[in-house]
Every structure is written in C-alpha cells, then in structure tokens.
C-alpha cells in the first residue's frame, strides 16, 4: 500500500484537494434511489403484488410442464405406445407451460423495473393495464349478454376496477416524478 504525504502551502490548497478527491470518489457511485423513502407506497405495493403474481405463474408453468411430462410418461409405458390424444394433451400442456414460463419471466422483470424506478416498466405496465381493462370491459359486456353467474360477473367487474385504479395511480404526478 502506498502512502503519499503531501504538504500544502495553505489550508485553502488542502481544502481544494479534499473537495477534488471527494468529487472523484462520489462520481463513481451509480445513480439511483438513495433510500426506499423516495418510492411511493403504491408503487411498492404494485411491485410486490407483481412479484408474487410472477412467482405464482412461474410455479403454475412448472406444474404444467411437469404434469405434461407425467402424462407422456404414463401412456408411454403402455404396450401400444403413446396414444394420439395423450400425445396431443402432453404437447399442448408443455406448450402452455412454456408460454406461462415466458409470461412469468416478463411479469418478474416488469415488477423489478417498477421497484427500482425504471420508466420503461411503468409505460409497459400502463400498456398491459389498458389492454387488461379493455379485455375486462369486453368480458363484462359478454357476461351481461350471456346472463352469467353472479360470481363470474362480480370478479370481472372487480378486475376492471382494480385495473382502472392502477392506471389512474401510475399516471399521478408524484408517481411520474418518481420514474423521471
């Protein structure tokens, strides 16, 4: 380890040197949120819910892939080989599991982006929420026309209200300021 001894002629030179060294050291600190106090509570809640949903979808995708493999193995041991319906069910289950896996990864990435304050995550979440709200409104109209079960109708209405609230919240000025 090298130790440099510097003699300053004046106290002012020593202060200037200290300020220069301090600015060099602090300029290497990555920019970002200093504390969680900057993050709005609603963003933390949305991000945590997204992470939980991503984990649940991830587990569901792994279960779908695993069950599809089990279906394939169960019928493969039969004397006649794998029957066509079982092969189709196994293949579709694996495809469904892979699609769910991709969705889970996207959910987890967007939730992480919301947590750390990435504006692309907020914009992508707004787009997905708008698509979901349109889909829910369409479903409500279809359920109204079909005289569906009250529980199904109610859950779709609640889903639409939650999506509209999240859209409203993600467009509030203090939330937009957090992401800029």
N, C-alpha and C. Protein backbone atom coordinates (compact mmCIF):
# COMPACT_ATOMS: atom_id res chain seq x y z
N UNK A 1 0.85 -1.18 0.00
CA UNK A 1 0.00 0.00 0.00
C UNK A 1 0.89 1.24 0.00
N UNK A 2 0.59 2.17 -0.88
CA UNK A 2 1.37 3.38 -0.96
C UNK A 2 0.73 4.48 -0.15
N UNK A 3 1.53 5.17 0.56
CA UNK A 3 1.03 6.30 1.34
C UNK A 3 1.74 7.54 0.81
N UNK A 4 0.94 8.47 0.38
CA UNK A 4 1.50 9.72 -0.12
C UNK A 4 1.41 10.77 0.96
N UNK A 5 2.49 11.45 1.14
CA UNK A 5 2.48 12.58 2.07
C UNK A 5 2.59 13.85 1.24
N UNK A 6 1.61 14.66 1.41
CA UNK A 6 1.56 15.90 0.65
C UNK A 6 1.61 17.05 1.62
N UNK A 7 2.44 18.01 1.28
CA UNK A 7 2.50 19.22 2.11
C UNK A 7 1.84 20.35 1.33
N UNK A 8 0.84 20.90 1.95
CA UNK A 8 0.15 22.01 1.32
C UNK A 8 0.72 23.32 1.86
N UNK A 9 0.78 24.27 0.98
CA UNK A 9 1.29 25.57 1.41
C UNK A 9 0.26 26.31 2.24
N UNK A 10 -1.00 26.14 1.88
CA UNK A 10 -2.05 26.84 2.62
C UNK A 10 -3.18 25.87 2.95
N UNK A 11 -3.99 26.28 3.87
CA UNK A 11 -5.16 25.48 4.22
C UNK A 11 -6.15 25.42 3.05
N UNK A 12 -6.18 26.48 2.26
CA UNK A 12 -7.08 26.52 1.12
C UNK A 12 -6.71 25.45 0.10
N UNK A 13 -5.42 25.23 -0.15
CA UNK A 13 -4.99 24.18 -1.07
C UNK A 13 -5.42 22.81 -0.57
N UNK A 14 -5.34 22.60 0.73
CA UNK A 14 -5.74 21.33 1.32
C UNK A 14 -7.24 21.11 1.14
N UNK A 15 -8.04 22.15 1.32
CA UNK A 15 -9.48 22.03 1.14
C UNK A 15 -9.85 21.77 -0.32
N UNK A 16 -9.16 22.42 -1.24
CA UNK A 16 -9.43 22.20 -2.67
C UNK A 16 -9.08 20.77 -3.03
N UNK A 17 -7.94 20.26 -2.54
CA UNK A 17 -7.56 18.88 -2.80
C UNK A 17 -8.60 17.91 -2.24
N UNK A 18 -9.07 18.17 -1.02
CA UNK A 18 -10.07 17.29 -0.40
C UNK A 18 -11.36 17.29 -1.19
N UNK A 19 -11.78 18.46 -1.67
CA UNK A 19 -13.00 18.53 -2.47
C UNK A 19 -12.84 17.80 -3.80
N UNK A 20 -11.67 17.91 -4.43
CA UNK A 20 -11.43 17.20 -5.69
C UNK A 20 -11.45 15.69 -5.48
N UNK A 21 -10.82 15.22 -4.44
CA UNK A 21 -10.80 13.79 -4.15
C UNK A 21 -12.21 13.30 -3.84
N UNK A 22 -12.96 14.07 -3.07
CA UNK A 22 -14.32 13.70 -2.74
C UNK A 22 -15.20 13.63 -3.99
N UNK A 23 -15.05 14.59 -4.91
CA UNK A 23 -15.87 14.58 -6.12
C UNK A 23 -15.50 13.41 -7.02
N UNK A 24 -14.24 13.01 -7.06
CA UNK A 24 -13.86 11.85 -7.85
C UNK A 24 -14.45 10.59 -7.26
N UNK A 25 -14.42 10.46 -5.94
CA UNK A 25 -14.96 9.26 -5.31
C UNK A 25 -16.47 9.17 -5.45
N UNK A 26 -17.16 10.28 -5.29
CA UNK A 26 -18.62 10.23 -5.36
C UNK A 26 -19.12 10.15 -6.80
N UNK A 27 -18.31 10.54 -7.78
CA UNK A 27 -18.78 10.46 -9.15
C UNK A 27 -18.87 9.01 -9.62
N UNK A 28 -18.19 8.10 -8.94
CA UNK A 28 -18.22 6.69 -9.32
C UNK A 28 -19.38 5.94 -8.70
N UNK A 29 -20.14 6.58 -7.83
CA UNK A 29 -21.29 5.94 -7.22
C UNK A 29 -22.41 5.89 -8.25
N UNK A 30 -22.99 4.72 -8.50
CA UNK A 30 -24.06 4.64 -9.51
C UNK A 30 -25.27 5.46 -9.09
N UNK A 31 -25.89 6.07 -10.08
CA UNK A 31 -27.07 6.87 -9.80
C UNK A 31 -28.26 5.97 -9.55
N UNK A 32 -29.12 6.34 -8.67
CA UNK A 32 -30.30 5.55 -8.35
C UNK A 32 -30.96 6.10 -7.11
N UNK A 33 -31.86 5.36 -6.57
CA UNK A 33 -32.57 5.77 -5.36
C UNK A 33 -31.68 5.59 -4.15
N UNK A 34 -31.58 6.62 -3.35
CA UNK A 34 -30.76 6.53 -2.15
C UNK A 34 -31.43 5.69 -1.08
N UNK A 35 -32.75 5.77 -1.01
CA UNK A 35 -33.46 5.04 0.04
C UNK A 35 -34.85 4.68 -0.46
N UNK A 36 -35.49 3.85 0.32
CA UNK A 36 -36.86 3.47 -0.03
C UNK A 36 -37.84 4.60 0.24
N UNK A 37 -37.39 5.64 0.94
CA UNK A 37 -38.28 6.75 1.25
C UNK A 37 -38.72 7.47 -0.02
N UNK A 38 -37.91 7.36 -1.10
CA UNK A 38 -38.26 8.01 -2.36
C UNK A 38 -39.42 7.32 -3.06
N UNK A 39 -39.57 6.03 -2.85
CA UNK A 39 -40.54 5.21 -3.57
C UNK A 39 -41.94 5.42 -2.98
N UNK A 40 -42.92 5.78 -3.83
CA UNK A 40 -44.29 5.88 -3.33
C UNK A 40 -44.79 4.52 -2.84
N UNK A 41 -45.61 4.54 -1.82
CA UNK A 41 -46.11 3.31 -1.21
C UNK A 41 -46.90 2.47 -2.22
N UNK A 42 -47.69 3.12 -3.04
CA UNK A 42 -48.48 2.40 -4.04
C UNK A 42 -47.61 1.64 -5.03
N UNK A 43 -46.47 2.22 -5.39
CA UNK A 43 -45.55 1.55 -6.31
C UNK A 43 -44.97 0.31 -5.64
N UNK A 44 -44.63 0.44 -4.37
CA UNK A 44 -44.10 -0.71 -3.64
C UNK A 44 -45.15 -1.83 -3.59
N UNK A 45 -46.39 -1.46 -3.34
CA UNK A 45 -47.47 -2.46 -3.29
C UNK A 45 -47.66 -3.11 -4.65
N UNK A 46 -47.71 -2.32 -5.72
CA UNK A 46 -47.89 -2.87 -7.07
C UNK A 46 -46.73 -3.79 -7.43
N UNK A 47 -45.51 -3.36 -7.12
CA UNK A 47 -44.34 -4.18 -7.45
C UNK A 47 -44.34 -5.49 -6.67
N UNK A 48 -44.68 -5.43 -5.40
CA UNK A 48 -44.71 -6.65 -4.58
C UNK A 48 -45.81 -7.59 -5.06
N UNK A 49 -46.99 -7.04 -5.38
CA UNK A 49 -48.05 -7.88 -5.93
C UNK A 49 -47.64 -8.50 -7.26
N UNK A 50 -46.93 -7.73 -8.07
CA UNK A 50 -46.44 -8.26 -9.34
C UNK A 50 -45.43 -9.38 -9.14
N UNK A 51 -44.54 -9.21 -8.18
CA UNK A 51 -43.55 -10.26 -7.90
C UNK A 51 -44.25 -11.52 -7.40
N UNK A 52 -45.22 -11.35 -6.51
CA UNK A 52 -45.97 -12.51 -6.02
C UNK A 52 -46.72 -13.20 -7.16
N UNK A 53 -47.35 -12.41 -8.03
CA UNK A 53 -48.06 -12.99 -9.15
C UNK A 53 -47.09 -13.70 -10.10
N UNK A 54 -45.92 -13.11 -10.32
CA UNK A 54 -44.92 -13.75 -11.16
C UNK A 54 -44.45 -15.08 -10.60
N UNK A 55 -44.28 -15.14 -9.28
CA UNK A 55 -43.88 -16.40 -8.65
C UNK A 55 -44.98 -17.45 -8.80
N UNK A 56 -46.24 -17.04 -8.61
CA UNK A 56 -47.36 -17.98 -8.74
C UNK A 56 -47.46 -18.49 -10.18
N UNK A 57 -47.32 -17.60 -11.15
CA UNK A 57 -47.38 -18.01 -12.55
C UNK A 57 -46.19 -18.92 -12.89
N UNK A 58 -45.03 -18.60 -12.33
CA UNK A 58 -43.85 -19.44 -12.55
C UNK A 58 -44.08 -20.86 -12.02
N UNK A 59 -44.63 -20.95 -10.82
CA UNK A 59 -44.93 -22.27 -10.25
C UNK A 59 -45.98 -23.00 -11.09
N UNK A 60 -46.98 -22.27 -11.57
CA UNK A 60 -48.00 -22.87 -12.43
C UNK A 60 -47.42 -23.38 -13.74
N UNK A 61 -46.48 -22.62 -14.29
CA UNK A 61 -45.86 -23.06 -15.55
C UNK A 61 -45.03 -24.32 -15.33
N UNK A 62 -44.30 -24.36 -14.23
CA UNK A 62 -43.51 -25.56 -13.94
C UNK A 62 -44.42 -26.76 -13.69
N UNK A 63 -45.56 -26.53 -13.04
CA UNK A 63 -46.51 -27.62 -12.81
C UNK A 63 -47.10 -28.11 -14.13
N UNK A 64 -47.43 -27.19 -15.02
CA UNK A 64 -47.99 -27.59 -16.32
C UNK A 64 -46.98 -28.41 -17.12
N UNK A 65 -45.73 -27.96 -17.12
CA UNK A 65 -44.69 -28.71 -17.85
C UNK A 65 -44.49 -30.08 -17.21
N UNK A 66 -44.43 -30.11 -15.87
CA UNK A 66 -44.24 -31.38 -15.17
C UNK A 66 -45.38 -32.35 -15.37
N UNK A 67 -46.61 -31.87 -15.28
CA UNK A 67 -47.77 -32.75 -15.49
C UNK A 67 -47.85 -33.26 -16.92
N UNK A 68 -47.48 -32.41 -17.86
CA UNK A 68 -47.46 -32.86 -19.26
C UNK A 68 -46.45 -33.96 -19.46
N UNK A 69 -45.30 -33.82 -18.83
CA UNK A 69 -44.29 -34.87 -18.93
C UNK A 69 -44.79 -36.16 -18.28
N UNK A 70 -45.47 -36.03 -17.14
CA UNK A 70 -46.02 -37.23 -16.48
C UNK A 70 -47.08 -37.92 -17.33
N UNK A 71 -47.92 -37.14 -17.99
CA UNK A 71 -48.93 -37.73 -18.87
C UNK A 71 -48.25 -38.50 -19.99
N UNK A 72 -47.22 -37.88 -20.56
CA UNK A 72 -46.49 -38.55 -21.63
C UNK A 72 -45.82 -39.82 -21.15
N UNK A 73 -45.23 -39.79 -19.97
CA UNK A 73 -44.57 -40.98 -19.43
C UNK A 73 -45.56 -42.07 -19.05
N UNK A 74 -46.70 -41.68 -18.52
CA UNK A 74 -47.70 -42.66 -18.10
C UNK A 74 -48.22 -43.46 -19.28
N UNK A 75 -48.47 -42.79 -20.39
CA UNK A 75 -49.01 -43.51 -21.55
C UNK A 75 -47.92 -44.15 -22.39
N UNK A 76 -46.69 -43.71 -22.22
CA UNK A 76 -45.59 -44.27 -22.99
C UNK A 76 -45.28 -45.71 -22.58
N UNK A 77 -45.57 -46.03 -21.32
CA UNK A 77 -45.27 -47.37 -20.82
C UNK A 77 -46.30 -48.40 -21.24
N UNK A 78 -47.39 -47.99 -21.85
CA UNK A 78 -48.41 -48.94 -22.29
C UNK A 78 -47.90 -49.74 -23.50
N UNK A 79 -48.43 -50.94 -23.70
CA UNK A 79 -47.94 -51.80 -24.78
C UNK A 79 -48.09 -51.19 -26.18
N UNK A 80 -49.14 -50.47 -26.42
CA UNK A 80 -49.38 -49.92 -27.76
C UNK A 80 -48.61 -48.64 -28.03
N UNK A 81 -47.88 -48.14 -27.07
CA UNK A 81 -47.18 -46.87 -27.23
C UNK A 81 -48.04 -45.71 -26.77
N UNK A 82 -47.66 -44.53 -27.16
CA UNK A 82 -48.35 -43.31 -26.75
C UNK A 82 -49.55 -43.07 -27.65
N UNK A 83 -50.78 -43.13 -27.09
CA UNK A 83 -51.95 -42.86 -27.92
C UNK A 83 -51.96 -41.39 -28.38
N UNK A 84 -52.57 -41.17 -29.51
CA UNK A 84 -52.58 -39.83 -30.10
C UNK A 84 -53.20 -38.78 -29.17
N UNK A 85 -54.36 -39.02 -28.54
CA UNK A 85 -54.91 -38.00 -27.65
C UNK A 85 -53.97 -37.66 -26.49
N UNK A 86 -53.31 -38.65 -25.93
CA UNK A 86 -52.38 -38.38 -24.83
C UNK A 86 -51.18 -37.59 -25.31
N UNK A 87 -50.72 -37.89 -26.53
CA UNK A 87 -49.58 -37.16 -27.08
C UNK A 87 -49.96 -35.70 -27.33
N UNK A 88 -51.16 -35.48 -27.83
CA UNK A 88 -51.62 -34.11 -28.08
C UNK A 88 -51.78 -33.36 -26.76
N UNK A 89 -52.37 -34.00 -25.77
CA UNK A 89 -52.55 -33.36 -24.46
C UNK A 89 -51.18 -33.04 -23.85
N UNK A 90 -50.24 -33.96 -23.95
CA UNK A 90 -48.91 -33.75 -23.40
C UNK A 90 -48.21 -32.59 -24.11
N UNK A 91 -48.30 -32.56 -25.43
CA UNK A 91 -47.65 -31.48 -26.20
C UNK A 91 -48.28 -30.13 -25.92
N UNK A 92 -49.62 -30.09 -25.87
CA UNK A 92 -50.30 -28.82 -25.58
C UNK A 92 -50.02 -28.34 -24.17
N UNK A 93 -49.96 -29.28 -23.22
CA UNK A 93 -49.63 -28.91 -21.84
C UNK A 93 -48.23 -28.36 -21.72
N UNK A 94 -47.29 -28.95 -22.44
CA UNK A 94 -45.91 -28.44 -22.44
C UNK A 94 -45.86 -27.06 -23.08
N UNK A 95 -46.55 -26.88 -24.20
CA UNK A 95 -46.58 -25.58 -24.86
C UNK A 95 -47.21 -24.52 -23.95
N UNK A 96 -48.31 -24.88 -23.30
CA UNK A 96 -48.96 -23.97 -22.35
C UNK A 96 -48.00 -23.61 -21.21
N UNK A 97 -47.28 -24.60 -20.70
CA UNK A 97 -46.32 -24.35 -19.63
C UNK A 97 -45.19 -23.43 -20.06
N UNK A 98 -44.72 -23.58 -21.29
CA UNK A 98 -43.65 -22.72 -21.79
C UNK A 98 -44.15 -21.28 -21.96
N UNK A 99 -45.37 -21.14 -22.48
CA UNK A 99 -45.95 -19.79 -22.61
C UNK A 99 -46.10 -19.15 -21.23
N UNK A 100 -46.60 -19.91 -20.26
CA UNK A 100 -46.72 -19.39 -18.89
C UNK A 100 -45.36 -19.02 -18.31
N UNK A 101 -44.34 -19.79 -18.61
CA UNK A 101 -42.99 -19.50 -18.14
C UNK A 101 -42.49 -18.17 -18.69
N UNK A 102 -42.73 -17.93 -19.96
CA UNK A 102 -42.34 -16.66 -20.58
C UNK A 102 -43.11 -15.51 -19.94
N UNK A 103 -44.41 -15.69 -19.73
CA UNK A 103 -45.23 -14.66 -19.08
C UNK A 103 -44.72 -14.38 -17.67
N UNK A 104 -44.37 -15.42 -16.92
CA UNK A 104 -43.86 -15.26 -15.56
C UNK A 104 -42.57 -14.46 -15.55
N UNK A 105 -41.68 -14.75 -16.50
CA UNK A 105 -40.41 -14.01 -16.57
C UNK A 105 -40.67 -12.54 -16.89
N UNK A 106 -41.59 -12.28 -17.81
CA UNK A 106 -41.93 -10.88 -18.15
C UNK A 106 -42.52 -10.17 -16.94
N UNK A 107 -43.41 -10.83 -16.23
CA UNK A 107 -44.03 -10.23 -15.03
C UNK A 107 -42.95 -9.89 -14.00
N UNK A 108 -42.04 -10.81 -13.78
CA UNK A 108 -40.98 -10.58 -12.79
C UNK A 108 -40.04 -9.44 -13.22
N UNK A 109 -39.72 -9.37 -14.50
CA UNK A 109 -38.84 -8.30 -14.99
C UNK A 109 -39.53 -6.94 -14.86
N UNK A 110 -40.80 -6.87 -15.25
CA UNK A 110 -41.53 -5.59 -15.16
C UNK A 110 -41.71 -5.19 -13.69
N UNK A 111 -41.99 -6.14 -12.82
CA UNK A 111 -42.15 -5.83 -11.40
C UNK A 111 -40.84 -5.31 -10.80
N UNK A 112 -39.74 -5.92 -11.19
CA UNK A 112 -38.42 -5.44 -10.73
C UNK A 112 -38.16 -4.03 -11.26
N UNK A 113 -38.54 -3.80 -12.52
CA UNK A 113 -38.39 -2.46 -13.08
C UNK A 113 -39.23 -1.42 -12.35
N UNK A 114 -40.45 -1.79 -11.96
CA UNK A 114 -41.28 -0.88 -11.18
C UNK A 114 -40.64 -0.60 -9.83
N UNK A 115 -40.06 -1.63 -9.22
CA UNK A 115 -39.47 -1.49 -7.89
C UNK A 115 -38.27 -0.54 -7.91
N UNK A 116 -37.42 -0.65 -8.94
CA UNK A 116 -36.21 0.18 -8.97
C UNK A 116 -36.43 1.54 -9.62
N UNK A 117 -37.62 1.76 -10.18
CA UNK A 117 -37.93 3.09 -10.71
C UNK A 117 -37.61 3.26 -12.19
N UNK A 118 -37.73 2.21 -12.98
CA UNK A 118 -37.48 2.30 -14.42
C UNK A 118 -38.75 2.75 -15.13
N UNK A 119 -38.63 3.82 -15.92
CA UNK A 119 -39.80 4.37 -16.59
C UNK A 119 -40.35 3.40 -17.63
N UNK A 120 -39.49 2.61 -18.28
CA UNK A 120 -39.97 1.65 -19.28
C UNK A 120 -40.93 0.66 -18.63
N UNK A 121 -40.69 0.31 -17.37
CA UNK A 121 -41.57 -0.64 -16.68
C UNK A 121 -42.93 0.01 -16.41
N UNK A 122 -42.92 1.29 -16.06
CA UNK A 122 -44.19 1.99 -15.82
C UNK A 122 -45.00 2.08 -17.10
N UNK A 123 -44.33 2.42 -18.21
CA UNK A 123 -45.03 2.54 -19.50
C UNK A 123 -45.56 1.17 -19.94
N UNK A 124 -44.74 0.13 -19.81
CA UNK A 124 -45.18 -1.21 -20.19
C UNK A 124 -46.34 -1.67 -19.31
N UNK A 125 -46.27 -1.37 -18.02
CA UNK A 125 -47.36 -1.74 -17.12
C UNK A 125 -48.64 -1.00 -17.50
N UNK A 126 -48.53 0.28 -17.85
CA UNK A 126 -49.70 1.03 -18.30
C UNK A 126 -50.31 0.40 -19.55
N UNK A 127 -49.47 0.01 -20.50
CA UNK A 127 -49.97 -0.61 -21.73
C UNK A 127 -50.70 -1.92 -21.39
N UNK A 128 -50.09 -2.74 -20.55
CA UNK A 128 -50.71 -4.00 -20.18
C UNK A 128 -52.00 -3.79 -19.40
N UNK A 129 -52.03 -2.77 -18.53
CA UNK A 129 -53.24 -2.48 -17.78
C UNK A 129 -54.36 -1.99 -18.68
N UNK A 130 -54.02 -1.20 -19.68
CA UNK A 130 -55.03 -0.71 -20.62
C UNK A 130 -55.60 -1.88 -21.43
N UNK A 131 -54.72 -2.77 -21.88
CA UNK A 131 -55.19 -3.97 -22.60
C UNK A 131 -56.08 -4.80 -21.68
N UNK A 132 -55.67 -4.97 -20.42
CA UNK A 132 -56.48 -5.74 -19.47
C UNK A 132 -57.81 -5.09 -19.19
N UNK A 133 -57.83 -3.75 -19.09
CA UNK A 133 -59.09 -3.06 -18.83
C UNK A 133 -60.05 -3.20 -20.01
N UNK A 134 -59.52 -3.10 -21.22
CA UNK A 134 -60.37 -3.29 -22.41
C UNK A 134 -60.91 -4.71 -22.44
N UNK A 135 -60.03 -5.66 -22.13
CA UNK A 135 -60.45 -7.07 -22.11
C UNK A 135 -61.52 -7.31 -21.04
N UNK A 136 -61.35 -6.71 -19.87
CA UNK A 136 -62.34 -6.88 -18.80
C UNK A 136 -63.67 -6.24 -19.18
N UNK A 137 -63.60 -5.05 -19.79
CA UNK A 137 -64.84 -4.38 -20.21
C UNK A 137 -65.56 -5.22 -21.26
N UNK A 138 -64.80 -5.79 -22.19
CA UNK A 138 -65.39 -6.66 -23.21
C UNK A 138 -66.02 -7.89 -22.58
N UNK A 139 -65.32 -8.44 -21.58
CA UNK A 139 -65.84 -9.63 -20.89
C UNK A 139 -67.11 -9.29 -20.12
N UNK A 140 -67.15 -8.11 -19.51
CA UNK A 140 -68.35 -7.71 -18.77
C UNK A 140 -69.53 -7.61 -19.73
N UNK A 141 -69.30 -7.03 -20.90
CA UNK A 141 -70.37 -6.92 -21.87
C UNK A 141 -70.84 -8.30 -22.31
N UNK A 142 -69.89 -9.21 -22.54
CA UNK A 142 -70.25 -10.56 -22.93
C UNK A 142 -70.97 -11.31 -21.83
N UNK A 143 -70.53 -11.12 -20.59
CA UNK A 143 -71.19 -11.77 -19.46
C UNK A 143 -72.59 -11.21 -19.23
N UNK A 144 -72.74 -9.91 -19.47
CA UNK A 144 -74.06 -9.30 -19.32
C UNK A 144 -75.03 -9.88 -20.35
N UNK A 145 -74.53 -10.04 -21.56
CA UNK A 145 -75.37 -10.58 -22.63
C UNK A 145 -75.70 -12.05 -22.37
N UNK A 146 -74.77 -12.78 -21.76
CA UNK A 146 -74.96 -14.22 -21.57
C UNK A 146 -75.66 -14.55 -20.25
N UNK A 147 -75.99 -13.56 -19.48
CA UNK A 147 -76.62 -13.77 -18.16
C UNK A 147 -75.79 -14.76 -17.35
N UNK A 148 -74.52 -14.40 -17.16
CA UNK A 148 -73.58 -15.30 -16.48
C UNK A 148 -73.84 -15.35 -14.99
N UNK A 149 -73.11 -16.24 -14.35
CA UNK A 149 -73.20 -16.40 -12.90
C UNK A 149 -72.73 -15.10 -12.23
N UNK A 150 -73.38 -14.76 -11.13
CA UNK A 150 -73.08 -13.51 -10.45
C UNK A 150 -71.62 -13.43 -10.00
N UNK A 151 -71.05 -14.52 -9.53
CA UNK A 151 -69.66 -14.52 -9.06
C UNK A 151 -68.70 -14.21 -10.20
N UNK A 152 -68.94 -14.77 -11.36
CA UNK A 152 -68.07 -14.50 -12.51
C UNK A 152 -68.19 -13.05 -12.94
N UNK A 153 -69.39 -12.54 -12.96
CA UNK A 153 -69.65 -11.14 -13.33
C UNK A 153 -68.98 -10.20 -12.32
N UNK A 154 -69.13 -10.51 -11.03
CA UNK A 154 -68.56 -9.66 -9.98
C UNK A 154 -67.05 -9.66 -10.04
N UNK A 155 -66.42 -10.81 -10.23
CA UNK A 155 -64.96 -10.86 -10.28
C UNK A 155 -64.42 -10.09 -11.48
N UNK A 156 -65.14 -10.10 -12.58
CA UNK A 156 -64.70 -9.36 -13.76
C UNK A 156 -64.84 -7.86 -13.52
N UNK A 157 -65.90 -7.45 -12.86
CA UNK A 157 -66.07 -6.03 -12.53
C UNK A 157 -64.99 -5.57 -11.57
N UNK A 158 -64.68 -6.36 -10.56
CA UNK A 158 -63.62 -6.02 -9.61
C UNK A 158 -62.28 -5.93 -10.33
N UNK A 159 -62.02 -6.86 -11.24
CA UNK A 159 -60.78 -6.83 -12.02
C UNK A 159 -60.68 -5.53 -12.83
N UNK A 160 -61.77 -5.13 -13.46
CA UNK A 160 -61.78 -3.88 -14.22
C UNK A 160 -61.52 -2.68 -13.31
N UNK A 161 -62.16 -2.65 -12.15
CA UNK A 161 -61.96 -1.52 -11.23
C UNK A 161 -60.52 -1.45 -10.73
N UNK A 162 -59.91 -2.57 -10.44
CA UNK A 162 -58.51 -2.59 -9.98
C UNK A 162 -57.60 -2.10 -11.10
N UNK A 163 -57.83 -2.57 -12.32
CA UNK A 163 -57.01 -2.13 -13.45
C UNK A 163 -57.15 -0.63 -13.68
N UNK A 164 -58.36 -0.11 -13.60
CA UNK A 164 -58.57 1.33 -13.77
C UNK A 164 -57.92 2.13 -12.66
N UNK A 165 -57.96 1.62 -11.43
CA UNK A 165 -57.29 2.31 -10.32
C UNK A 165 -55.78 2.33 -10.52
N UNK A 166 -55.20 1.21 -10.96
CA UNK A 166 -53.76 1.17 -11.20
C UNK A 166 -53.36 2.11 -12.33
N UNK A 167 -54.19 2.19 -13.38
CA UNK A 167 -53.92 3.14 -14.46
C UNK A 167 -53.94 4.56 -13.92
N UNK A 168 -54.96 4.86 -13.12
CA UNK A 168 -55.06 6.19 -12.51
C UNK A 168 -53.83 6.47 -11.65
N UNK A 169 -53.44 5.51 -10.82
CA UNK A 169 -52.33 5.73 -9.89
C UNK A 169 -51.00 5.91 -10.64
N UNK A 170 -50.75 5.11 -11.66
CA UNK A 170 -49.48 5.20 -12.38
C UNK A 170 -49.34 6.47 -13.21
N UNK A 171 -50.44 7.21 -13.37
CA UNK A 171 -50.38 8.48 -14.10
C UNK A 171 -50.40 9.69 -13.18
N UNK A 172 -50.39 9.49 -11.87
CA UNK A 172 -50.35 10.60 -10.92
C UNK A 172 -49.00 11.31 -11.00
N UNK A 173 -48.99 12.64 -10.78
CA UNK A 173 -47.73 13.40 -10.91
C UNK A 173 -46.60 12.91 -10.00
N UNK A 174 -46.90 12.57 -8.75
CA UNK A 174 -45.81 12.15 -7.87
C UNK A 174 -45.24 10.80 -8.28
N UNK A 175 -46.05 9.96 -8.92
CA UNK A 175 -45.56 8.67 -9.41
C UNK A 175 -44.73 8.88 -10.67
N UNK A 176 -45.20 9.75 -11.56
CA UNK A 176 -44.45 10.06 -12.77
C UNK A 176 -43.11 10.68 -12.39
N UNK A 177 -43.11 11.55 -11.38
CA UNK A 177 -41.85 12.17 -10.93
C UNK A 177 -40.88 11.12 -10.40
N UNK A 178 -41.38 10.09 -9.77
CA UNK A 178 -40.51 9.03 -9.27
C UNK A 178 -39.78 8.33 -10.41
N UNK A 179 -40.43 8.21 -11.55
CA UNK A 179 -39.83 7.50 -12.68
C UNK A 179 -39.05 8.39 -13.62
N UNK A 180 -39.01 9.68 -13.38
CA UNK A 180 -38.23 10.57 -14.25
C UNK A 180 -37.00 11.07 -13.55
